[in-house]
């Protein structure tokens, strides 16, 4: 995590390598995990291996952004996820939720 909660915006980053996961299948599993976490308006670009979504849960009109990239790594896949929150917002449990989304690629 970078940033100071409630003072500056914060960015949470997680990445994992799945040695035997096909990138297309990994992206599909990650997109289902994101939907299971309650995100809506999920945009998936299969050609680029990207997923982008936003949510606004505080009523402030400042959305939180989730970006996931799945790319080929050796014979498997690497999954990078970034969750960006504007200043003044906190999200308890975000690290566990982000890890759960990324880990879905290997299931």
N, C-alpha and C. Protein backbone atom coordinates (compact mmCIF):
# COMPACT_ATOMS: atom_id res chain seq x y z
N UNK A 1 0.85 -1.18 0.00
CA UNK A 1 0.00 0.00 0.00
C UNK A 1 0.89 1.24 0.00
N UNK A 2 0.47 2.25 -0.74
CA UNK A 2 1.16 3.53 -0.69
C UNK A 2 0.13 4.61 -0.43
N UNK A 3 0.56 5.70 0.19
CA UNK A 3 -0.35 6.78 0.55
C UNK A 3 -0.67 6.75 2.03
N UNK A 4 -1.31 7.81 2.50
CA UNK A 4 -1.68 7.93 3.91
C UNK A 4 -3.21 7.91 3.99
N UNK A 5 -3.79 6.86 4.61
CA UNK A 5 -5.25 6.77 4.68
C UNK A 5 -5.88 8.05 5.26
N UNK A 6 -6.96 8.48 4.64
CA UNK A 6 -7.74 9.66 5.00
C UNK A 6 -7.04 10.98 4.71
N UNK A 7 -5.73 10.98 4.49
CA UNK A 7 -5.01 12.22 4.22
C UNK A 7 -4.73 12.36 2.73
N UNK A 8 -4.18 11.32 2.14
CA UNK A 8 -3.91 11.31 0.70
C UNK A 8 -4.66 10.13 0.09
N UNK A 9 -4.68 10.07 -1.20
CA UNK A 9 -5.22 8.89 -1.85
C UNK A 9 -4.33 7.69 -1.55
N UNK A 10 -4.89 6.51 -1.56
CA UNK A 10 -4.09 5.31 -1.32
C UNK A 10 -4.19 4.37 -2.52
N UNK A 11 -3.12 3.64 -2.73
CA UNK A 11 -3.05 2.67 -3.80
C UNK A 11 -2.62 1.34 -3.21
N UNK A 12 -3.40 0.32 -3.45
CA UNK A 12 -3.10 -1.03 -2.98
C UNK A 12 -2.72 -1.87 -4.19
N UNK A 13 -1.57 -2.54 -4.13
CA UNK A 13 -1.11 -3.35 -5.26
C UNK A 13 -0.83 -4.78 -4.81
N UNK A 14 -1.22 -5.72 -5.66
CA UNK A 14 -0.97 -7.14 -5.41
C UNK A 14 -0.65 -7.79 -6.75
N UNK A 15 0.29 -8.74 -6.75
CA UNK A 15 0.53 -9.52 -7.96
C UNK A 15 0.89 -10.95 -7.56
N UNK A 16 0.55 -11.86 -8.44
CA UNK A 16 0.86 -13.28 -8.23
C UNK A 16 1.17 -13.92 -9.57
N UNK A 17 2.01 -14.94 -9.53
CA UNK A 17 2.32 -15.72 -10.73
C UNK A 17 1.70 -17.11 -10.57
N UNK A 18 1.03 -17.55 -11.62
CA UNK A 18 0.39 -18.87 -11.66
C UNK A 18 1.07 -19.67 -12.77
N UNK A 19 1.99 -20.57 -12.43
CA UNK A 19 2.83 -21.23 -13.43
C UNK A 19 2.08 -22.04 -14.49
N UNK A 20 0.89 -22.50 -14.18
CA UNK A 20 0.19 -23.35 -15.16
C UNK A 20 -1.17 -22.78 -15.60
N UNK A 21 -1.43 -21.53 -15.30
CA UNK A 21 -2.73 -20.93 -15.64
C UNK A 21 -2.67 -20.26 -17.01
N UNK A 22 -3.58 -20.64 -17.89
CA UNK A 22 -3.72 -20.00 -19.20
C UNK A 22 -4.21 -18.57 -18.98
N UNK A 23 -3.58 -17.57 -19.63
CA UNK A 23 -3.99 -16.17 -19.40
C UNK A 23 -5.47 -15.89 -19.68
N UNK A 24 -6.03 -16.46 -20.74
CA UNK A 24 -7.44 -16.21 -21.06
C UNK A 24 -8.34 -16.78 -19.97
N UNK A 25 -8.04 -17.99 -19.52
CA UNK A 25 -8.84 -18.61 -18.46
C UNK A 25 -8.68 -17.86 -17.14
N UNK A 26 -7.45 -17.40 -16.87
CA UNK A 26 -7.20 -16.65 -15.64
C UNK A 26 -8.00 -15.35 -15.63
N UNK A 27 -8.03 -14.65 -16.76
CA UNK A 27 -8.80 -13.40 -16.85
C UNK A 27 -10.29 -13.67 -16.63
N UNK A 28 -10.80 -14.74 -17.18
CA UNK A 28 -12.20 -15.10 -16.99
C UNK A 28 -12.51 -15.36 -15.51
N UNK A 29 -11.63 -16.10 -14.84
CA UNK A 29 -11.84 -16.40 -13.42
C UNK A 29 -11.75 -15.13 -12.57
N UNK A 30 -10.81 -14.26 -12.90
CA UNK A 30 -10.68 -13.01 -12.16
C UNK A 30 -11.91 -12.14 -12.35
N UNK A 31 -12.46 -12.08 -13.57
CA UNK A 31 -13.64 -11.25 -13.79
C UNK A 31 -14.83 -11.77 -12.99
N UNK A 32 -14.96 -13.08 -12.86
CA UNK A 32 -16.04 -13.63 -12.02
C UNK A 32 -15.82 -13.31 -10.55
N UNK A 33 -14.58 -13.35 -10.11
CA UNK A 33 -14.27 -13.01 -8.72
C UNK A 33 -14.58 -11.55 -8.42
N UNK A 34 -14.29 -10.67 -9.37
CA UNK A 34 -14.58 -9.24 -9.20
C UNK A 34 -16.10 -9.03 -9.07
N UNK A 35 -16.86 -9.70 -9.90
CA UNK A 35 -18.32 -9.61 -9.79
C UNK A 35 -18.80 -10.15 -8.45
N UNK A 36 -18.19 -11.22 -7.96
CA UNK A 36 -18.57 -11.79 -6.67
C UNK A 36 -18.27 -10.84 -5.52
N UNK A 37 -17.28 -9.96 -5.70
CA UNK A 37 -16.94 -8.98 -4.67
C UNK A 37 -17.90 -7.79 -4.67
N UNK A 38 -18.82 -7.74 -5.64
CA UNK A 38 -19.83 -6.69 -5.64
C UNK A 38 -19.59 -5.53 -6.59
N UNK A 39 -18.57 -5.62 -7.42
CA UNK A 39 -18.33 -4.56 -8.39
C UNK A 39 -19.35 -4.66 -9.52
N UNK A 40 -19.71 -3.53 -10.08
CA UNK A 40 -20.62 -3.49 -11.22
C UNK A 40 -19.93 -2.73 -12.35
N UNK A 41 -20.49 -2.79 -13.56
CA UNK A 41 -19.88 -2.13 -14.71
C UNK A 41 -18.43 -2.55 -14.91
N UNK A 42 -18.22 -3.85 -14.89
CA UNK A 42 -16.88 -4.41 -15.09
C UNK A 42 -16.58 -4.42 -16.58
N UNK A 43 -15.47 -3.81 -16.98
CA UNK A 43 -15.07 -3.76 -18.38
C UNK A 43 -13.88 -4.68 -18.59
N UNK A 44 -14.04 -5.69 -19.45
CA UNK A 44 -12.99 -6.65 -19.72
C UNK A 44 -12.57 -6.52 -21.18
N UNK A 45 -11.27 -6.39 -21.40
CA UNK A 45 -10.71 -6.37 -22.75
C UNK A 45 -9.86 -7.63 -22.88
N UNK A 46 -10.42 -8.66 -23.49
CA UNK A 46 -9.73 -9.94 -23.60
C UNK A 46 -8.48 -9.84 -24.45
N UNK A 47 -8.49 -9.00 -25.47
CA UNK A 47 -7.32 -8.86 -26.35
C UNK A 47 -6.12 -8.30 -25.58
N UNK A 48 -6.37 -7.38 -24.66
CA UNK A 48 -5.30 -6.78 -23.87
C UNK A 48 -5.07 -7.50 -22.54
N UNK A 49 -6.01 -8.34 -22.13
CA UNK A 49 -5.91 -9.03 -20.85
C UNK A 49 -6.13 -8.11 -19.68
N UNK A 50 -7.05 -7.15 -19.84
CA UNK A 50 -7.28 -6.16 -18.78
C UNK A 50 -8.73 -6.18 -18.29
N UNK A 51 -8.88 -5.77 -17.05
CA UNK A 51 -10.20 -5.61 -16.42
C UNK A 51 -10.15 -4.28 -15.68
N UNK A 52 -11.15 -3.46 -15.87
CA UNK A 52 -11.24 -2.18 -15.17
C UNK A 52 -12.66 -2.00 -14.66
N UNK A 53 -12.78 -1.53 -13.44
CA UNK A 53 -14.09 -1.26 -12.87
C UNK A 53 -13.96 -0.17 -11.81
N UNK A 54 -15.06 0.47 -11.53
CA UNK A 54 -15.10 1.49 -10.48
C UNK A 54 -16.31 1.23 -9.60
N UNK A 55 -16.20 1.66 -8.36
CA UNK A 55 -17.34 1.62 -7.46
C UNK A 55 -17.34 2.89 -6.64
N UNK A 56 -18.51 3.32 -6.25
CA UNK A 56 -18.65 4.50 -5.41
C UNK A 56 -19.52 4.08 -4.24
N UNK A 57 -18.89 3.89 -3.09
CA UNK A 57 -19.62 3.36 -1.94
C UNK A 57 -19.79 4.35 -0.81
N UNK A 58 -19.18 5.53 -0.93
CA UNK A 58 -19.19 6.47 0.19
C UNK A 58 -20.23 7.57 0.06
N UNK A 59 -20.78 7.74 -1.13
CA UNK A 59 -21.72 8.82 -1.35
C UNK A 59 -21.04 10.14 -1.67
N UNK A 60 -19.73 10.12 -1.80
CA UNK A 60 -18.97 11.35 -2.05
C UNK A 60 -18.90 11.71 -3.53
N UNK A 61 -19.24 10.76 -4.39
CA UNK A 61 -19.12 10.99 -5.82
C UNK A 61 -17.72 10.75 -6.35
N UNK A 62 -16.82 10.29 -5.50
CA UNK A 62 -15.44 10.00 -5.90
C UNK A 62 -15.26 8.48 -5.94
N UNK A 63 -15.19 7.91 -7.13
CA UNK A 63 -15.15 6.45 -7.24
C UNK A 63 -13.79 5.85 -6.86
N UNK A 64 -13.87 4.61 -6.44
CA UNK A 64 -12.68 3.80 -6.20
C UNK A 64 -12.48 2.95 -7.46
N UNK A 65 -11.25 2.80 -7.90
CA UNK A 65 -10.96 2.14 -9.16
C UNK A 65 -10.17 0.86 -8.93
N UNK A 66 -10.57 -0.19 -9.62
CA UNK A 66 -9.84 -1.46 -9.61
C UNK A 66 -9.39 -1.75 -11.03
N UNK A 67 -8.09 -2.02 -11.19
CA UNK A 67 -7.53 -2.40 -12.49
C UNK A 67 -6.78 -3.71 -12.31
N UNK A 68 -7.04 -4.65 -13.22
CA UNK A 68 -6.35 -5.94 -13.20
C UNK A 68 -5.79 -6.21 -14.58
N UNK A 69 -4.55 -6.68 -14.62
CA UNK A 69 -3.90 -7.06 -15.87
C UNK A 69 -3.44 -8.50 -15.74
N UNK A 70 -3.79 -9.32 -16.74
CA UNK A 70 -3.35 -10.71 -16.79
C UNK A 70 -2.47 -10.85 -18.02
N UNK A 71 -1.25 -11.34 -17.82
CA UNK A 71 -0.34 -11.49 -18.96
C UNK A 71 0.42 -12.81 -18.87
N UNK A 72 0.92 -13.22 -19.99
CA UNK A 72 1.66 -14.48 -20.07
C UNK A 72 2.97 -14.35 -19.31
N UNK A 73 3.28 -15.35 -18.53
CA UNK A 73 4.53 -15.41 -17.77
C UNK A 73 5.06 -16.84 -17.89
N UNK A 74 6.05 -17.02 -18.73
CA UNK A 74 6.54 -18.38 -18.97
C UNK A 74 5.44 -19.22 -19.60
N UNK A 75 5.13 -20.33 -18.97
CA UNK A 75 4.04 -21.18 -19.45
C UNK A 75 2.72 -20.89 -18.74
N UNK A 76 2.73 -19.92 -17.87
CA UNK A 76 1.53 -19.60 -17.11
C UNK A 76 1.12 -18.14 -17.25
N UNK A 77 0.69 -17.56 -16.13
CA UNK A 77 0.17 -16.20 -16.13
C UNK A 77 0.67 -15.41 -14.93
N UNK A 78 0.78 -14.12 -15.12
CA UNK A 78 1.02 -13.19 -14.02
C UNK A 78 -0.20 -12.30 -13.94
N UNK A 79 -0.70 -12.11 -12.73
CA UNK A 79 -1.88 -11.27 -12.51
C UNK A 79 -1.48 -10.12 -11.58
N UNK A 80 -1.66 -8.88 -12.07
CA UNK A 80 -1.39 -7.67 -11.29
C UNK A 80 -2.71 -6.97 -11.04
N UNK A 81 -2.93 -6.53 -9.81
CA UNK A 81 -4.15 -5.80 -9.47
C UNK A 81 -3.78 -4.53 -8.70
N UNK A 82 -4.48 -3.45 -9.02
CA UNK A 82 -4.28 -2.16 -8.35
C UNK A 82 -5.65 -1.62 -7.96
N UNK A 83 -5.80 -1.26 -6.69
CA UNK A 83 -7.04 -0.66 -6.19
C UNK A 83 -6.69 0.74 -5.73
N UNK A 84 -7.34 1.75 -6.32
CA UNK A 84 -7.02 3.15 -6.06
C UNK A 84 -8.19 3.83 -5.36
N UNK A 85 -7.88 4.45 -4.21
CA UNK A 85 -8.91 5.17 -3.46
C UNK A 85 -8.53 6.65 -3.36
N UNK A 86 -9.52 7.53 -3.54
CA UNK A 86 -9.25 8.97 -3.41
C UNK A 86 -8.98 9.36 -1.96
N UNK A 87 -8.45 10.56 -1.74
CA UNK A 87 -8.22 11.04 -0.37
C UNK A 87 -9.52 11.05 0.43
N UNK A 88 -9.38 10.76 1.72
CA UNK A 88 -10.53 10.81 2.61
C UNK A 88 -11.32 9.51 2.68
N UNK A 89 -10.88 8.48 1.99
CA UNK A 89 -11.60 7.21 2.00
C UNK A 89 -10.72 6.09 2.55
N UNK A 90 -11.36 5.15 3.20
CA UNK A 90 -10.68 3.95 3.66
C UNK A 90 -11.54 2.75 3.26
N UNK A 91 -10.91 1.60 3.15
CA UNK A 91 -11.63 0.38 2.80
C UNK A 91 -11.08 -0.75 3.66
N UNK A 92 -11.70 -0.97 4.82
CA UNK A 92 -11.22 -2.05 5.69
C UNK A 92 -11.27 -3.40 4.95
N UNK A 93 -10.23 -4.16 5.11
CA UNK A 93 -10.19 -5.49 4.51
C UNK A 93 -9.84 -5.52 3.04
N UNK A 94 -9.40 -4.40 2.48
CA UNK A 94 -9.15 -4.35 1.04
C UNK A 94 -8.01 -5.29 0.64
N UNK A 95 -7.00 -5.42 1.47
CA UNK A 95 -5.88 -6.29 1.11
C UNK A 95 -6.35 -7.73 0.95
N UNK A 96 -7.14 -8.22 1.88
CA UNK A 96 -7.65 -9.59 1.78
C UNK A 96 -8.56 -9.75 0.57
N UNK A 97 -9.40 -8.77 0.31
CA UNK A 97 -10.30 -8.83 -0.85
C UNK A 97 -9.53 -8.82 -2.15
N UNK A 98 -8.52 -7.99 -2.24
CA UNK A 98 -7.71 -7.89 -3.45
C UNK A 98 -6.95 -9.20 -3.68
N UNK A 99 -6.40 -9.76 -2.62
CA UNK A 99 -5.70 -11.05 -2.74
C UNK A 99 -6.66 -12.15 -3.18
N UNK A 100 -7.88 -12.13 -2.68
CA UNK A 100 -8.87 -13.13 -3.05
C UNK A 100 -9.21 -13.03 -4.55
N UNK A 101 -9.32 -11.82 -5.06
CA UNK A 101 -9.61 -11.61 -6.49
C UNK A 101 -8.47 -12.14 -7.35
N UNK A 102 -7.24 -11.79 -7.00
CA UNK A 102 -6.08 -12.23 -7.78
C UNK A 102 -5.91 -13.74 -7.67
N UNK A 103 -6.09 -14.29 -6.50
CA UNK A 103 -5.93 -15.72 -6.29
C UNK A 103 -6.92 -16.56 -7.09
N UNK A 104 -8.05 -15.96 -7.43
CA UNK A 104 -9.07 -16.67 -8.23
C UNK A 104 -8.53 -17.14 -9.57
N UNK A 105 -7.51 -16.46 -10.08
CA UNK A 105 -6.93 -16.82 -11.39
C UNK A 105 -6.35 -18.22 -11.38
N UNK A 106 -5.91 -18.68 -10.24
CA UNK A 106 -5.28 -20.00 -10.16
C UNK A 106 -6.20 -21.12 -9.74
N UNK A 107 -7.45 -20.82 -9.52
CA UNK A 107 -8.38 -21.88 -9.07
C UNK A 107 -9.04 -22.57 -10.23
